[in-house]
Amino acid sequence: MLKSKGKTKGLLARKMEDAAYRKRHEESYEFFKLEVQLLNALEKKHWTYSDLAKAMGTQKSAISRDLMGHGLQKASMDRIAKMAEALGLRFMPFCVAESKAKQALPLIQKLVAV
């Protein structure tokens, strides 16, 4: 019987060692979190994509495109702001100094809980 000499790295951990992959993952993860916030707001209002589309004066297919499969990465900030506003939220993009990001993140996460 072979003994394991320690924990083996999972696929994600191995891929995250590649700087380019890690950067792509971290960038897309921020959009994923934003998508989850919008979807949670939809759920709280008991709205469908059709309801959101009607409130925004757009088509359901546009909402589906934006909220599925990395769609928010391609959406304009104006469009994201309009979705948020229709859901009773305010979209507030901002920049934080890299040196302060680790301090700011826990505070921001408390504020964005929908």
N, C-alpha and C. Protein backbone atom coordinates (compact mmCIF):
# COMPACT_ATOMS: atom_id res chain seq x y z
N MET A 1 0.84 -1.17 0.00
CA MET A 1 0.00 0.00 0.00
C MET A 1 0.89 1.24 0.00
N LEU A 2 0.59 2.19 -0.90
CA LEU A 2 1.35 3.42 -0.97
C LEU A 2 0.82 4.43 0.03
N LYS A 3 1.72 5.12 0.69
CA LYS A 3 1.30 6.15 1.62
C LYS A 3 1.45 7.51 0.98
N SER A 4 0.50 8.37 1.22
CA SER A 4 0.56 9.73 0.71
C SER A 4 1.52 10.53 1.58
N LYS A 5 2.41 11.27 0.96
CA LYS A 5 3.38 12.07 1.71
C LYS A 5 2.86 13.47 2.01
N GLY A 6 1.60 13.69 1.87
CA GLY A 6 1.02 15.00 2.12
C GLY A 6 -0.17 15.21 1.21
N LYS A 7 -0.76 16.34 1.38
CA LYS A 7 -1.93 16.63 0.56
C LYS A 7 -1.51 16.88 -0.88
N THR A 8 -2.29 16.34 -1.78
CA THR A 8 -2.06 16.63 -3.19
C THR A 8 -2.87 17.85 -3.55
N LYS A 9 -2.34 18.64 -4.46
CA LYS A 9 -3.02 19.85 -4.88
C LYS A 9 -4.16 19.50 -5.83
N GLY A 10 -5.27 20.18 -5.64
CA GLY A 10 -6.39 20.02 -6.53
C GLY A 10 -6.12 20.73 -7.85
N LEU A 11 -6.99 20.50 -8.79
CA LEU A 11 -6.84 21.09 -10.12
C LEU A 11 -6.82 22.61 -10.06
N LEU A 12 -7.76 23.20 -9.31
CA LEU A 12 -7.80 24.66 -9.21
C LEU A 12 -6.52 25.21 -8.59
N ALA A 13 -6.05 24.59 -7.53
CA ALA A 13 -4.82 25.05 -6.87
C ALA A 13 -3.64 25.00 -7.84
N ARG A 14 -3.57 23.93 -8.64
CA ARG A 14 -2.47 23.83 -9.61
C ARG A 14 -2.58 24.91 -10.67
N LYS A 15 -3.82 25.15 -11.17
CA LYS A 15 -4.02 26.17 -12.20
C LYS A 15 -3.74 27.56 -11.66
N MET A 16 -4.05 27.79 -10.39
CA MET A 16 -3.85 29.12 -9.79
C MET A 16 -2.37 29.46 -9.66
N GLU A 17 -1.50 28.49 -9.78
CA GLU A 17 -0.07 28.76 -9.77
C GLU A 17 0.38 29.50 -11.02
N ASP A 18 -0.39 29.38 -12.09
CA ASP A 18 -0.11 30.09 -13.33
C ASP A 18 -0.64 31.52 -13.18
N ALA A 19 0.24 32.51 -13.24
CA ALA A 19 -0.14 33.91 -13.00
C ALA A 19 -1.21 34.39 -13.96
N ALA A 20 -1.13 34.03 -15.23
CA ALA A 20 -2.12 34.47 -16.22
C ALA A 20 -3.49 33.87 -15.90
N TYR A 21 -3.52 32.59 -15.56
CA TYR A 21 -4.80 31.96 -15.21
C TYR A 21 -5.37 32.59 -13.95
N ARG A 22 -4.52 32.81 -12.94
CA ARG A 22 -4.97 33.40 -11.68
C ARG A 22 -5.58 34.78 -11.92
N LYS A 23 -4.96 35.58 -12.78
CA LYS A 23 -5.47 36.92 -13.08
C LYS A 23 -6.84 36.83 -13.75
N ARG A 24 -7.00 35.96 -14.74
CA ARG A 24 -8.29 35.79 -15.42
C ARG A 24 -9.36 35.32 -14.43
N HIS A 25 -8.99 34.39 -13.56
CA HIS A 25 -9.93 33.86 -12.57
C HIS A 25 -10.38 34.95 -11.60
N GLU A 26 -9.44 35.72 -11.10
CA GLU A 26 -9.77 36.77 -10.13
C GLU A 26 -10.65 37.85 -10.76
N GLU A 27 -10.38 38.21 -12.01
CA GLU A 27 -11.19 39.22 -12.69
C GLU A 27 -12.60 38.71 -12.93
N SER A 28 -12.73 37.48 -13.39
CA SER A 28 -14.08 36.96 -13.66
C SER A 28 -14.84 36.69 -12.37
N TYR A 29 -14.15 36.41 -11.29
CA TYR A 29 -14.81 36.14 -10.02
C TYR A 29 -15.54 37.38 -9.50
N GLU A 30 -14.96 38.55 -9.73
CA GLU A 30 -15.61 39.80 -9.31
C GLU A 30 -16.94 39.98 -10.05
N PHE A 31 -16.96 39.67 -11.33
CA PHE A 31 -18.20 39.76 -12.10
C PHE A 31 -19.21 38.71 -11.63
N PHE A 32 -18.72 37.54 -11.29
CA PHE A 32 -19.59 36.49 -10.76
C PHE A 32 -20.28 36.97 -9.48
N LYS A 33 -19.51 37.60 -8.58
CA LYS A 33 -20.10 38.09 -7.34
C LYS A 33 -21.15 39.17 -7.61
N LEU A 34 -20.90 40.03 -8.59
CA LEU A 34 -21.86 41.05 -8.97
C LEU A 34 -23.13 40.41 -9.52
N GLU A 35 -22.96 39.40 -10.34
CA GLU A 35 -24.11 38.68 -10.90
C GLU A 35 -24.95 38.06 -9.78
N VAL A 36 -24.30 37.49 -8.80
CA VAL A 36 -25.01 36.88 -7.66
C VAL A 36 -25.80 37.95 -6.91
N GLN A 37 -25.22 39.13 -6.74
CA GLN A 37 -25.94 40.21 -6.06
C GLN A 37 -27.21 40.59 -6.83
N LEU A 38 -27.09 40.71 -8.13
CA LEU A 38 -28.25 41.06 -8.95
C LEU A 38 -29.31 39.96 -8.92
N LEU A 39 -28.86 38.72 -9.00
CA LEU A 39 -29.81 37.59 -8.96
C LEU A 39 -30.49 37.50 -7.60
N ASN A 40 -29.76 37.76 -6.52
CA ASN A 40 -30.37 37.76 -5.19
C ASN A 40 -31.41 38.87 -5.07
N ALA A 41 -31.12 40.04 -5.64
CA ALA A 41 -32.08 41.15 -5.62
C ALA A 41 -33.33 40.78 -6.42
N LEU A 42 -33.15 40.13 -7.56
CA LEU A 42 -34.30 39.64 -8.34
C LEU A 42 -35.17 38.72 -7.49
N GLU A 43 -34.52 37.80 -6.82
CA GLU A 43 -35.23 36.83 -6.00
C GLU A 43 -35.97 37.51 -4.85
N LYS A 44 -35.33 38.49 -4.21
CA LYS A 44 -35.98 39.20 -3.10
C LYS A 44 -37.23 39.94 -3.56
N LYS A 45 -37.21 40.46 -4.78
CA LYS A 45 -38.36 41.18 -5.31
C LYS A 45 -39.39 40.23 -5.93
N HIS A 46 -39.04 38.94 -5.98
CA HIS A 46 -39.89 37.93 -6.62
C HIS A 46 -40.11 38.28 -8.09
N TRP A 47 -39.06 38.74 -8.74
CA TRP A 47 -39.11 39.13 -10.15
C TRP A 47 -38.49 38.07 -11.03
N THR A 48 -38.97 38.02 -12.25
CA THR A 48 -38.38 37.19 -13.30
C THR A 48 -37.51 38.08 -14.18
N TYR A 49 -36.81 37.48 -15.11
CA TYR A 49 -36.06 38.28 -16.09
C TYR A 49 -37.00 39.18 -16.87
N SER A 50 -38.21 38.69 -17.15
CA SER A 50 -39.21 39.49 -17.87
C SER A 50 -39.60 40.73 -17.08
N ASP A 51 -39.77 40.57 -15.76
CA ASP A 51 -40.11 41.71 -14.92
C ASP A 51 -39.00 42.76 -14.94
N LEU A 52 -37.76 42.31 -14.84
CA LEU A 52 -36.63 43.24 -14.88
C LEU A 52 -36.54 43.92 -16.23
N ALA A 53 -36.73 43.16 -17.29
CA ALA A 53 -36.69 43.73 -18.64
C ALA A 53 -37.75 44.81 -18.79
N LYS A 54 -38.95 44.54 -18.30
CA LYS A 54 -40.03 45.52 -18.39
C LYS A 54 -39.68 46.79 -17.62
N ALA A 55 -39.13 46.64 -16.43
CA ALA A 55 -38.75 47.79 -15.61
C ALA A 55 -37.65 48.62 -16.27
N MET A 56 -36.81 47.96 -17.07
CA MET A 56 -35.71 48.65 -17.74
C MET A 56 -36.08 49.12 -19.14
N GLY A 57 -37.21 48.68 -19.64
CA GLY A 57 -37.60 49.02 -21.01
C GLY A 57 -36.75 48.32 -22.05
N THR A 58 -36.45 47.06 -21.79
CA THR A 58 -35.62 46.27 -22.71
C THR A 58 -36.26 44.89 -22.90
N GLN A 59 -35.58 44.03 -23.62
CA GLN A 59 -36.07 42.69 -23.90
C GLN A 59 -35.55 41.68 -22.87
N LYS A 60 -36.35 40.65 -22.62
CA LYS A 60 -35.93 39.58 -21.70
C LYS A 60 -34.63 38.94 -22.18
N SER A 61 -34.47 38.80 -23.49
CA SER A 61 -33.26 38.17 -24.03
C SER A 61 -32.00 38.96 -23.65
N ALA A 62 -32.13 40.28 -23.55
CA ALA A 62 -30.99 41.10 -23.15
C ALA A 62 -30.62 40.84 -21.69
N ILE A 63 -31.63 40.67 -20.85
CA ILE A 63 -31.38 40.37 -19.44
C ILE A 63 -30.75 38.98 -19.32
N SER A 64 -31.27 38.02 -20.05
CA SER A 64 -30.70 36.67 -20.04
C SER A 64 -29.24 36.70 -20.47
N ARG A 65 -28.95 37.44 -21.52
CA ARG A 65 -27.57 37.55 -22.02
C ARG A 65 -26.65 38.13 -20.94
N ASP A 66 -27.14 39.16 -20.24
CA ASP A 66 -26.31 39.83 -19.25
C ASP A 66 -26.10 38.99 -17.99
N LEU A 67 -27.07 38.20 -17.61
CA LEU A 67 -26.99 37.48 -16.34
C LEU A 67 -26.64 36.01 -16.49
N MET A 68 -26.19 35.61 -17.66
CA MET A 68 -25.78 34.22 -17.86
C MET A 68 -24.39 34.16 -18.48
N GLY A 69 -23.59 33.25 -18.00
CA GLY A 69 -22.32 32.92 -18.62
C GLY A 69 -21.40 34.08 -18.96
N HIS A 70 -20.96 34.79 -17.97
CA HIS A 70 -19.98 35.89 -18.13
C HIS A 70 -20.54 37.08 -18.90
N GLY A 71 -21.84 37.20 -18.97
CA GLY A 71 -22.45 38.29 -19.71
C GLY A 71 -22.15 39.66 -19.13
N LEU A 72 -22.05 39.75 -17.80
CA LEU A 72 -21.78 41.05 -17.19
C LEU A 72 -20.41 41.59 -17.57
N GLN A 73 -19.49 40.71 -17.91
CA GLN A 73 -18.16 41.16 -18.32
C GLN A 73 -18.24 41.97 -19.61
N LYS A 74 -19.26 41.72 -20.40
CA LYS A 74 -19.42 42.41 -21.68
C LYS A 74 -20.40 43.58 -21.59
N ALA A 75 -21.15 43.66 -20.50
CA ALA A 75 -22.14 44.72 -20.33
C ALA A 75 -21.44 46.03 -19.96
N SER A 76 -22.03 47.14 -20.39
CA SER A 76 -21.47 48.44 -20.03
C SER A 76 -21.78 48.75 -18.57
N MET A 77 -21.01 49.64 -17.99
CA MET A 77 -21.29 50.04 -16.61
C MET A 77 -22.65 50.71 -16.52
N ASP A 78 -23.02 51.46 -17.57
CA ASP A 78 -24.32 52.11 -17.59
C ASP A 78 -25.43 51.07 -17.54
N ARG A 79 -25.28 50.00 -18.30
CA ARG A 79 -26.30 48.94 -18.32
C ARG A 79 -26.40 48.26 -16.95
N ILE A 80 -25.27 47.98 -16.34
CA ILE A 80 -25.26 47.36 -15.01
C ILE A 80 -25.93 48.30 -14.01
N ALA A 81 -25.63 49.61 -14.11
CA ALA A 81 -26.24 50.60 -13.21
C ALA A 81 -27.76 50.63 -13.40
N LYS A 82 -28.23 50.51 -14.64
CA LYS A 82 -29.68 50.51 -14.89
C LYS A 82 -30.34 49.27 -14.30
N MET A 83 -29.67 48.12 -14.40
CA MET A 83 -30.21 46.90 -13.80
C MET A 83 -30.31 47.07 -12.29
N ALA A 84 -29.24 47.57 -11.70
CA ALA A 84 -29.21 47.77 -10.25
C ALA A 84 -30.31 48.72 -9.82
N GLU A 85 -30.44 49.84 -10.53
CA GLU A 85 -31.45 50.83 -10.18
C GLU A 85 -32.86 50.24 -10.26
N ALA A 86 -33.12 49.47 -11.29
CA ALA A 86 -34.44 48.84 -11.44
C ALA A 86 -34.73 47.89 -10.28
N LEU A 87 -33.67 47.35 -9.69
CA LEU A 87 -33.82 46.41 -8.57
C LEU A 87 -33.75 47.10 -7.21
N GLY A 88 -33.67 48.43 -7.22
CA GLY A 88 -33.60 49.17 -5.96
C GLY A 88 -32.22 49.21 -5.35
N LEU A 89 -31.21 49.01 -6.18
CA LEU A 89 -29.82 49.04 -5.74
C LEU A 89 -29.10 50.21 -6.40
N ARG A 90 -27.93 50.53 -5.91
CA ARG A 90 -27.09 51.52 -6.56
C ARG A 90 -25.76 50.85 -6.91
N PHE A 91 -25.41 50.93 -8.17
CA PHE A 91 -24.13 50.39 -8.66
C PHE A 91 -23.07 51.45 -8.39
N MET A 92 -22.06 51.09 -7.62
CA MET A 92 -21.03 52.04 -7.22
C MET A 92 -19.64 51.50 -7.55
N PRO A 93 -19.21 51.64 -8.79
CA PRO A 93 -17.85 51.19 -9.11
C PRO A 93 -16.84 52.14 -8.48
N PHE A 94 -15.77 51.61 -7.98
CA PHE A 94 -14.74 52.45 -7.38
C PHE A 94 -13.41 51.72 -7.41
N CYS A 95 -12.38 52.47 -7.20
CA CYS A 95 -11.03 51.91 -7.16
C CYS A 95 -10.47 52.06 -5.75
N VAL A 96 -9.71 51.07 -5.34
CA VAL A 96 -9.07 51.08 -4.03
C VAL A 96 -7.58 50.85 -4.26
N ALA A 97 -6.76 51.60 -3.57
CA ALA A 97 -5.32 51.40 -3.67
C ALA A 97 -4.99 49.94 -3.34
N GLU A 98 -4.12 49.36 -4.14
CA GLU A 98 -3.74 47.96 -3.94
C GLU A 98 -3.29 47.71 -2.50
N SER A 99 -2.57 48.67 -1.93
CA SER A 99 -2.06 48.52 -0.56
C SER A 99 -3.17 48.51 0.49
N LYS A 100 -4.35 49.04 0.13
CA LYS A 100 -5.48 49.11 1.07
C LYS A 100 -6.55 48.07 0.78
N ALA A 101 -6.44 47.34 -0.31
CA ALA A 101 -7.49 46.42 -0.75
C ALA A 101 -7.82 45.37 0.30
N LYS A 102 -6.84 44.79 0.94
CA LYS A 102 -7.11 43.74 1.92
C LYS A 102 -7.84 44.29 3.14
N GLN A 103 -7.60 45.54 3.49
CA GLN A 103 -8.30 46.16 4.62
C GLN A 103 -9.73 46.53 4.22
N ALA A 104 -9.90 47.00 2.99
CA ALA A 104 -11.20 47.48 2.55
C ALA A 104 -12.18 46.35 2.23
N LEU A 105 -11.67 45.23 1.77
CA LEU A 105 -12.55 44.15 1.30
C LEU A 105 -13.56 43.67 2.35
N PRO A 106 -13.16 43.41 3.59
CA PRO A 106 -14.17 42.96 4.57
C PRO A 106 -15.27 44.00 4.82
N LEU A 107 -14.91 45.27 4.81
CA LEU A 107 -15.89 46.33 5.01
C LEU A 107 -16.86 46.39 3.84
N ILE A 108 -16.33 46.28 2.64
CA ILE A 108 -17.15 46.33 1.43
C ILE A 108 -18.10 45.13 1.40
N GLN A 109 -17.59 43.96 1.76
CA GLN A 109 -18.42 42.76 1.72
C GLN A 109 -19.61 42.87 2.68
N LYS A 110 -19.42 43.51 3.81
CA LYS A 110 -20.53 43.71 4.75
C LYS A 110 -21.58 44.64 4.14
N LEU A 111 -21.14 45.65 3.42
CA LEU A 111 -22.05 46.62 2.83
C LEU A 111 -22.84 46.08 1.66
N VAL A 112 -22.26 45.17 0.89
CA VAL A 112 -22.91 44.72 -0.34
C VAL A 112 -23.85 43.53 -0.14
N ALA A 113 -23.92 43.02 1.05
CA ALA A 113 -24.84 41.89 1.29
C ALA A 113 -26.25 42.33 0.95
N VAL A 114 -26.82 41.70 -0.05
CA VAL A 114 -28.17 42.05 -0.51
C VAL A 114 -29.19 41.21 0.22
